[in-house]
C-alpha atoms as a PDB file:
ATOM      1  CA  UNK A   1     -22.033  -4.903   2.327  1.00  0.00           C
ATOM      2  CA  UNK A   2     -20.362  -1.528   2.493  1.00  0.00           C
ATOM      3  CA  UNK A   3     -16.981  -2.028   0.835  1.00  0.00           C
ATOM      4  CA  UNK A   4     -14.527   0.870   0.727  1.00  0.00           C
ATOM      5  CA  UNK A   5     -12.581   1.253  -2.540  1.00  0.00           C
ATOM      6  CA  UNK A   6      -8.912   1.950  -1.906  1.00  0.00           C
ATOM      7  CA  UNK A   7      -5.716   2.185  -3.940  1.00  0.00           C
ATOM      8  CA  UNK A   8      -2.231   1.200  -2.882  1.00  0.00           C
ATOM      9  CA  UNK A   9       1.221   1.675  -4.382  1.00  0.00           C
ATOM     10  CA  UNK A  10       3.870  -1.007  -4.616  1.00  0.00           C
ATOM     11  CA  UNK A  11       6.709   1.533  -4.395  1.00  0.00           C
ATOM     12  CA  UNK A  12       9.987  -0.027  -5.558  1.00  0.00           C
ATOM     13  CA  UNK A  13      13.375   1.667  -5.877  1.00  0.00           C
ATOM     14  CA  UNK A  14      16.314   0.762  -8.195  1.00  0.00           C
ATOM     15  CA  UNK A  15      17.761  -1.567  -5.504  1.00  0.00           C
ATOM     16  CA  UNK A  16      14.465  -3.533  -5.578  1.00  0.00           C
ATOM     17  CA  UNK A  17      13.518  -2.361  -2.104  1.00  0.00           C
ATOM     18  CA  UNK A  18       9.815  -1.868  -1.372  1.00  0.00           C
ATOM     19  CA  UNK A  19       8.530   0.986   0.769  1.00  0.00           C
ATOM     20  CA  UNK A  20       6.060  -0.213   3.405  1.00  0.00           C
ATOM     21  CA  UNK A  21       4.117   1.617   6.083  1.00  0.00           C
ATOM     22  CA  UNK A  22       3.253   0.306   9.547  1.00  0.00           C
ATOM     23  CA  UNK A  23      -0.381   0.561  10.591  1.00  0.00           C
ATOM     24  CA  UNK A  24      -1.388   0.165  14.232  1.00  0.00           C
ATOM     25  CA  UNK A  25      -4.951  -1.079  14.532  1.00  0.00           C
ATOM     26  CA  UNK A  26      -6.687  -2.009  17.802  1.00  0.00           C
ATOM     27  CA  UNK A  27      -6.377  -5.700  16.941  1.00  0.00           C
ATOM     28  CA  UNK A  28      -3.135  -5.884  14.932  1.00  0.00           C
ATOM     29  CA  UNK A  29       0.066  -4.269  13.717  1.00  0.00           C
ATOM     30  CA  UNK A  30       0.323  -4.556   9.926  1.00  0.00           C
ATOM     31  CA  UNK A  31       2.993  -3.556   7.407  1.00  0.00           C
ATOM     32  CA  UNK A  32       1.354  -2.612   4.107  1.00  0.00           C
ATOM     33  CA  UNK A  33       1.731  -0.543   0.976  1.00  0.00           C
ATOM     34  CA  UNK A  34       1.042   3.196   1.164  1.00  0.00           C
ATOM     35  CA  UNK A  35      -2.293   4.395  -0.147  1.00  0.00           C
ATOM     36  CA  UNK A  36      -5.844   4.820   0.991  1.00  0.00           C
ATOM     37  CA  UNK A  37      -9.470   5.356   0.179  1.00  0.00           C
ATOM     38  CA  UNK A  38     -10.804   6.756  -3.078  1.00  0.00           C
ATOM     39  CA  UNK A  39     -12.941   9.825  -2.397  1.00  0.00           C
ATOM     40  CA  UNK A  40     -16.285  10.187  -4.244  1.00  0.00           C
ATOM     41  CA  UNK A  41     -14.918  12.926  -6.547  1.00  0.00           C
ATOM     42  CA  UNK A  42     -11.686  11.083  -7.451  1.00  0.00           C
ATOM     43  CA  UNK A  43     -10.557   8.458  -9.908  1.00  0.00           C
ATOM     44  CA  UNK A  44      -8.370   5.699  -8.448  1.00  0.00           C
ATOM     45  CA  UNK A  45      -5.266   7.257 -10.033  1.00  0.00           C
ATOM     46  CA  UNK A  46      -6.073  10.706  -8.639  1.00  0.00           C
ATOM     47  CA  UNK A  47      -6.538   9.143  -5.203  1.00  0.00           C
ATOM     48  CA  UNK A  48      -3.222   7.316  -5.442  1.00  0.00           C
ATOM     49  CA  UNK A  49      -1.363  10.483  -6.438  1.00  0.00           C
ATOM     50  CA  UNK A  50      -2.959  12.308  -3.476  1.00  0.00           C
ATOM     51  CA  UNK A  51      -2.150   9.504  -1.036  1.00  0.00           C
ATOM     52  CA  UNK A  52       1.479   9.225  -2.180  1.00  0.00           C
ATOM     53  CA  UNK A  53       1.968  12.976  -1.744  1.00  0.00           C
ATOM     54  CA  UNK A  54       0.274  13.025   1.676  1.00  0.00           C
ATOM     55  CA  UNK A  55       1.929   9.916   3.114  1.00  0.00           C
ATOM     56  CA  UNK A  56       5.350   9.938   1.427  1.00  0.00           C
ATOM     57  CA  UNK A  57       5.854  13.393  -0.073  1.00  0.00           C
ATOM     58  CA  UNK A  58       6.068  11.659  -3.451  1.00  0.00           C
ATOM     59  CA  UNK A  59       4.614  14.114  -5.979  1.00  0.00           C
ATOM     60  CA  UNK A  60       3.824  13.215  -9.602  1.00  0.00           C
ATOM     61  CA  UNK A  61       5.038   9.644  -9.174  1.00  0.00           C
ATOM     62  CA  UNK A  62       4.882   7.528 -12.338  1.00  0.00           C
ATOM     63  CA  UNK A  63       1.917   5.256 -11.600  1.00  0.00           C
ATOM     64  CA  UNK A  64       2.390   1.923 -13.315  1.00  0.00           C
ATOM     65  CA  UNK A  65      -0.016  -0.884 -14.069  1.00  0.00           C
ATOM     66  CA  UNK A  66      -2.736  -2.221 -11.788  1.00  0.00           C
ATOM     67  CA  UNK A  67      -1.163  -5.576 -10.877  1.00  0.00           C
ATOM     68  CA  UNK A  68      -2.909  -6.916  -7.742  1.00  0.00           C
ATOM     69  CA  UNK A  69      -6.319  -6.888  -6.080  1.00  0.00           C
ATOM     70  CA  UNK A  70      -7.256  -7.652  -2.479  1.00  0.00           C
ATOM     71  CA  UNK A  71     -10.612  -7.852  -0.706  1.00  0.00           C
ATOM     72  CA  UNK A  72     -10.529  -7.715   3.074  1.00  0.00           C
ATOM     73  CA  UNK A  73     -13.800  -8.167   4.957  1.00  0.00           C
ATOM     74  CA  UNK A  74     -13.412  -6.759   8.446  1.00  0.00           C
ATOM     75  CA  UNK A  75     -15.511  -4.053  10.110  1.00  0.00           C
ATOM     76  CA  UNK A  76     -13.643  -0.767  10.306  1.00  0.00           C
ATOM     77  CA  UNK A  77     -13.169   0.753  13.740  1.00  0.00           C
ATOM     78  CA  UNK A  78     -15.546   3.626  12.941  1.00  0.00           C
ATOM     79  CA  UNK A  79     -18.318   1.262  11.818  1.00  0.00           C
ATOM     80  CA  UNK A  80     -18.720   3.014   8.458  1.00  0.00           C
ATOM     81  CA  UNK A  81     -17.367   0.130   6.335  1.00  0.00           C
ATOM     82  CA  UNK A  82     -17.634  -3.668   6.354  1.00  0.00           C
ATOM     83  CA  UNK A  83     -14.390  -4.115   4.464  1.00  0.00           C
ATOM     84  CA  UNK A  84     -12.060  -2.768   1.825  1.00  0.00           C
ATOM     85  CA  UNK A  85     -11.152  -3.600  -1.763  1.00  0.00           C
ATOM     86  CA  UNK A  86      -7.560  -2.614  -2.529  1.00  0.00           C
ATOM     87  CA  UNK A  87      -6.283  -1.981  -6.045  1.00  0.00           C
ATOM     88  CA  UNK A  88      -2.462  -2.168  -6.183  1.00  0.00           C
ATOM     89  CA  UNK A  89      -0.376  -0.284  -8.750  1.00  0.00           C
ATOM     90  CA  UNK A  90       3.314  -0.737  -9.425  1.00  0.00           C
ATOM     91  CA  UNK A  91       5.276   2.480  -8.833  1.00  0.00           C
ATOM     92  CA  UNK A  92       8.986   2.387  -9.719  1.00  0.00           C
ATOM     93  CA  UNK A  93      10.877   5.403  -8.373  1.00  0.00           C
ATOM     94  CA  UNK A  94      14.439   6.579  -7.709  1.00  0.00           C
ATOM     95  CA  UNK A  95      15.560   6.002  -4.123  1.00  0.00           C
ATOM     96  CA  UNK A  96      14.266   8.731  -1.797  1.00  0.00           C
ATOM     97  CA  UNK A  97      13.605   9.418   1.860  1.00  0.00           C
ATOM     98  CA  UNK A  98       9.896   9.905   2.562  1.00  0.00           C
ATOM     99  CA  UNK A  99       8.922  13.458   3.523  1.00  0.00           C
ATOM    100  CA  UNK A 100       5.164  13.236   4.226  1.00  0.00           C
ATOM    101  CA  UNK A 101       3.027  16.290   3.497  1.00  0.00           C
ATOM    102  CA  UNK A 102       0.811  15.327   6.430  1.00  0.00           C
ATOM    103  CA  UNK A 103       2.134  15.769   9.949  1.00  0.00           C
ATOM    104  CA  UNK A 104       2.926  12.706  12.037  1.00  0.00           C
ATOM    105  CA  UNK A 105      -0.065  13.609  14.197  1.00  0.00           C
ATOM    106  CA  UNK A 106      -2.304  13.460  11.110  1.00  0.00           C
ATOM    107  CA  UNK A 107      -0.707  10.206   9.933  1.00  0.00           C
ATOM    108  CA  UNK A 108      -1.154   8.588  13.344  1.00  0.00           C
ATOM    109  CA  UNK A 109      -4.820   9.618  13.282  1.00  0.00           C
ATOM    110  CA  UNK A 110      -5.010   7.436  10.155  1.00  0.00           C
ATOM    111  CA  UNK A 111      -3.269   4.618  12.091  1.00  0.00           C
ATOM    112  CA  UNK A 112       0.035   5.071  10.178  1.00  0.00           C
ATOM    113  CA  UNK A 113       3.010   5.044  12.574  1.00  0.00           C
ATOM    114  CA  UNK A 114       6.160   4.249  10.629  1.00  0.00           C
ATOM    115  CA  UNK A 115       7.543   3.753   7.121  1.00  0.00           C
ATOM    116  CA  UNK A 116      10.680   2.091   5.871  1.00  0.00           C
ATOM    117  CA  UNK A 117      12.302   0.399   2.896  1.00  0.00           C
ATOM    118  CA  UNK A 118      12.385  -3.419   2.957  1.00  0.00           C
ATOM    119  CA  UNK A 119      14.445  -5.865   0.897  1.00  0.00           C
ATOM    120  CA  UNK A 120      12.920  -9.079  -0.399  1.00  0.00           C
ATOM    121  CA  UNK A 121      15.211 -11.005   1.967  1.00  0.00           C
ATOM    122  CA  UNK A 122      13.933  -9.031   4.969  1.00  0.00           C
ATOM    123  CA  UNK A 123      10.323  -9.687   3.989  1.00  0.00           C
ATOM    124  CA  UNK A 124      10.933 -13.401   3.415  1.00  0.00           C
ATOM    125  CA  UNK A 125      12.608 -13.846   6.808  1.00  0.00           C
ATOM    126  CA  UNK A 126      10.316 -11.576   8.837  1.00  0.00           C
ATOM    127  CA  UNK A 127       7.692 -12.695  11.328  1.00  0.00           C
ATOM    128  CA  UNK A 128       5.698  -9.441  11.172  1.00  0.00           C
ATOM    129  CA  UNK A 129       2.245  -9.320   9.622  1.00  0.00           C
ATOM    130  CA  UNK A 130       2.066  -8.034   6.048  1.00  0.00           C
ATOM    131  CA  UNK A 131      -0.957  -7.011   4.000  1.00  0.00           C
ATOM    132  CA  UNK A 132      -1.360  -8.842   1.804  1.00  0.00           C
ATOM    133  CA  UNK A 133      -0.166 -11.838   3.804  1.00  0.00           C
ATOM    134  CA  UNK A 134       1.113 -13.346   0.537  1.00  0.00           C
ATOM    135  CA  UNK A 135       3.526 -10.434  -0.108  1.00  0.00           C
ATOM    136  CA  UNK A 136       6.623 -12.665   0.047  1.00  0.00           C
ATOM    137  CA  UNK A 137       5.085 -14.995  -2.556  1.00  0.00           C
ATOM    138  CA  UNK A 138       3.885 -12.358  -5.042  1.00  0.00           C
ATOM    139  CA  UNK A 139       6.591  -9.685  -4.847  1.00  0.00           C
ATOM    140  CA  UNK A 140       9.466 -11.638  -6.497  1.00  0.00           C
ATOM    141  CA  UNK A 141       7.628 -11.795  -9.827  1.00  0.00           C
ATOM    142  CA  UNK A 142       7.189  -8.022  -9.899  1.00  0.00           C
ATOM    143  CA  UNK A 143      10.835  -7.505  -8.965  1.00  0.00           C
ATOM    144  CA  UNK A 144      11.780  -9.780 -11.880  1.00  0.00           C
ATOM    145  CA  UNK A 145       9.713  -7.608 -14.237  1.00  0.00           C
ATOM    146  CA  UNK A 146       6.822 -10.060 -14.577  1.00  0.00           C
ATOM    147  CA  UNK A 147       3.739  -7.879 -15.023  1.00  0.00           C
ATOM    148  CA  UNK A 148       0.455  -9.820 -15.068  1.00  0.00           C
ATOM    149  CA  UNK A 149      -1.868  -9.266 -18.027  1.00  0.00           C
ATOM    150  CA  UNK A 150      -4.753  -8.939 -15.549  1.00  0.00           C
ATOM    151  CA  UNK A 151      -4.573  -8.013 -11.850  1.00  0.00           C
ATOM    152  CA  UNK A 152      -3.909 -10.985  -9.565  1.00  0.00           C
ATOM    153  CA  UNK A 153      -6.056 -11.586  -6.484  1.00  0.00           C
ATOM    154  CA  UNK A 154      -3.422 -11.710  -3.736  1.00  0.00           C
ATOM    155  CA  UNK A 155      -5.862 -12.642  -0.956  1.00  0.00           C
ATOM    156  CA  UNK A 156      -6.054 -11.132   2.479  1.00  0.00           C
END
């Protein structure tokens, strides 16, 4: 199978809000962590720094530990990939308003249509689709400062 390697940031501010982005796919609307594919000439950390700057305007963010993993098998719209393996890193930052380096036209071409800060209470009571679907179950531990010794598989 052709599995795309991607990195994502669990961006958390001092109020324990998490920054999520809304993706619009042909078959679903999904709120997920910012990030994206690792290019052939990049390390995962280089890719995450690039993605955070492009999507959020967050430059030189302090990338924390790799805490979660996720494998999603679903053919991509362009037919190039059979799925994606996401590597999630904790990124604690001061509160900020995203100022993407990419234009909204460029972001929408990547299926990204919106971004906003969410509280744990909003996530727990929401009926929207999150990726990973287990976000409400796994996020409280990170907010409490519980960093796993090895990355946790958070499922699809």
